[in-house]
Amino acid sequence: MQAWLAEHLWITYILIYVFLVYIYNKVFRTRRLPILKAAIVYLLMAVGALILLMFQVDLDLPILLCLLVAVALMFMVRVRYWVEARQKRQDNKEAR
C-alpha cells in the first residue's frame, strides 16, 4: 500500500488534507472563526499536509494510516453517543 500511495501523490495529498480537516473540525474547532482567520487555518493545514506527505513518501511513515485510524476512532465514538442517546430516549418513553 505504501508503494501505491507513493505513486499517486495527488490522491495521497488530498486524503491527508481531508483527514486533517475532518479531525480539526470535529476535535479542535470550538467556534466559527472569521473568514480570513479560517482561510489562514486551512492554508496552514494545506502546508502541513504537504509536510506530512513528504514524511509519508520519503521516510515511509504510515501517516495516512494513522489519520485513518484517528478518523475511525472518532466515528466509533460518534456511533456510541448516538446509540446511548437512542437508548436514553427509549428509556424515557417507557418510564412515562
Protein backbone atom coordinates (compact mmCIF):
# COMPACT_ATOMS: atom_id res chain seq x y z
CA MET A 1 0.00 0.00 0.00
CA GLN A 2 2.89 2.36 0.76
CA ALA A 3 4.15 1.91 -2.80
CA TRP A 4 0.75 2.70 -4.30
CA LEU A 5 0.44 5.82 -2.16
CA ALA A 6 3.94 6.91 -3.20
CA GLU A 7 3.00 6.51 -6.87
CA HIS A 8 -0.23 8.52 -6.55
CA LEU A 9 0.93 11.67 -4.80
CA TRP A 10 -2.14 13.81 -5.52
CA ILE A 11 -4.55 11.23 -4.15
CA THR A 12 -2.38 10.76 -1.08
CA TYR A 13 -2.14 14.53 -0.54
CA ILE A 14 -5.89 15.02 -0.90
CA LEU A 15 -6.64 12.17 1.53
CA ILE A 16 -4.20 13.56 4.10
CA TYR A 17 -5.71 17.03 3.76
CA VAL A 18 -9.30 15.76 4.02
CA PHE A 19 -8.50 13.73 7.13
CA LEU A 20 -6.72 16.71 8.71
CA VAL A 21 -9.68 19.00 8.03
CA TYR A 22 -12.14 16.45 9.41
CA ILE A 23 -10.10 15.96 12.58
CA TYR A 24 -9.71 19.71 13.03
CA ASN A 25 -13.41 20.38 12.59
CA LYS A 26 -14.56 17.61 14.91
CA VAL A 27 -11.96 17.92 17.67
CA PHE A 28 -10.23 21.28 17.76
CA ARG A 29 -12.73 23.82 16.39
CA THR A 30 -14.71 25.26 19.27
CA ARG A 31 -16.42 28.10 17.41
CA ARG A 32 -16.62 29.53 13.93
CA LEU A 33 -13.72 31.79 13.03
CA PRO A 34 -13.94 34.93 10.90
CA ILE A 35 -13.46 34.11 7.23
CA LEU A 36 -9.89 35.42 6.94
CA LYS A 37 -8.73 33.54 10.03
CA ALA A 38 -10.45 30.38 8.80
CA ALA A 39 -8.74 30.75 5.42
CA ILE A 40 -5.37 31.09 7.14
CA VAL A 41 -6.04 28.00 9.26
CA TYR A 42 -6.98 25.92 6.20
CA LEU A 43 -3.98 27.25 4.27
CA LEU A 44 -1.67 26.26 7.11
CA MET A 45 -3.31 22.83 7.17
CA ALA A 46 -2.59 22.53 3.44
CA VAL A 47 1.08 23.30 4.12
CA GLY A 48 1.08 20.82 6.99
CA ALA A 49 -0.49 18.20 4.73
CA LEU A 50 2.36 18.78 2.27
CA ILE A 51 4.90 18.19 5.04
CA LEU A 52 3.06 15.04 6.14
CA LEU A 53 3.02 13.90 2.50
CA MET A 54 6.80 14.20 2.42
CA PHE A 55 7.01 12.11 5.61
CA GLN A 56 4.67 9.55 4.04
CA VAL A 57 6.60 9.25 0.78
CA ASP A 58 10.24 9.93 1.64
CA LEU A 59 10.50 8.35 5.08
CA ASP A 60 7.86 5.65 4.53
CA LEU A 61 5.97 6.63 7.67
CA PRO A 62 2.32 5.46 7.81
CA ILE A 63 0.85 8.97 8.11
CA LEU A 64 -2.27 8.24 6.10
CA LEU A 65 -3.00 5.05 8.01
CA CYS A 66 -2.59 6.84 11.35
CA LEU A 67 -5.01 9.56 10.25
CA LEU A 68 -7.41 6.86 9.08
CA VAL A 69 -7.27 5.19 12.49
CA ALA A 70 -7.96 8.53 14.18
CA VAL A 71 -11.00 9.14 11.96
CA ALA A 72 -12.24 5.59 12.54
CA LEU A 73 -11.98 6.02 16.32
CA MET A 74 -13.84 9.32 16.11
CA PHE A 75 -16.55 7.60 14.08
CA MET A 76 -16.84 4.83 16.68
CA VAL A 77 -17.26 7.39 19.46
CA ARG A 78 -19.91 9.20 17.44
CA VAL A 79 -21.84 5.94 16.90
CA ARG A 80 -21.56 5.12 20.60
CA TYR A 81 -23.00 8.51 21.59
CA TRP A 82 -25.83 8.04 19.08
CA VAL A 83 -26.67 4.60 20.50
CA GLU A 84 -26.59 5.92 24.07
CA ALA A 85 -28.88 8.84 23.18
CA ARG A 86 -31.27 6.49 21.43
CA GLN A 87 -31.30 4.16 24.43
CA LYS A 88 -31.95 7.09 26.77
CA ARG A 89 -34.90 8.23 24.63
CA GLN A 90 -36.37 4.73 24.72
CA ASP A 91 -35.96 4.55 28.49
CA ASN A 92 -37.72 7.89 28.88
CA LYS A 93 -40.63 6.71 26.71
CA GLU A 94 -41.01 3.54 28.76
CA ALA A 95 -40.88 5.45 32.06
CA ARG A 96 -43.90 7.56 31.08
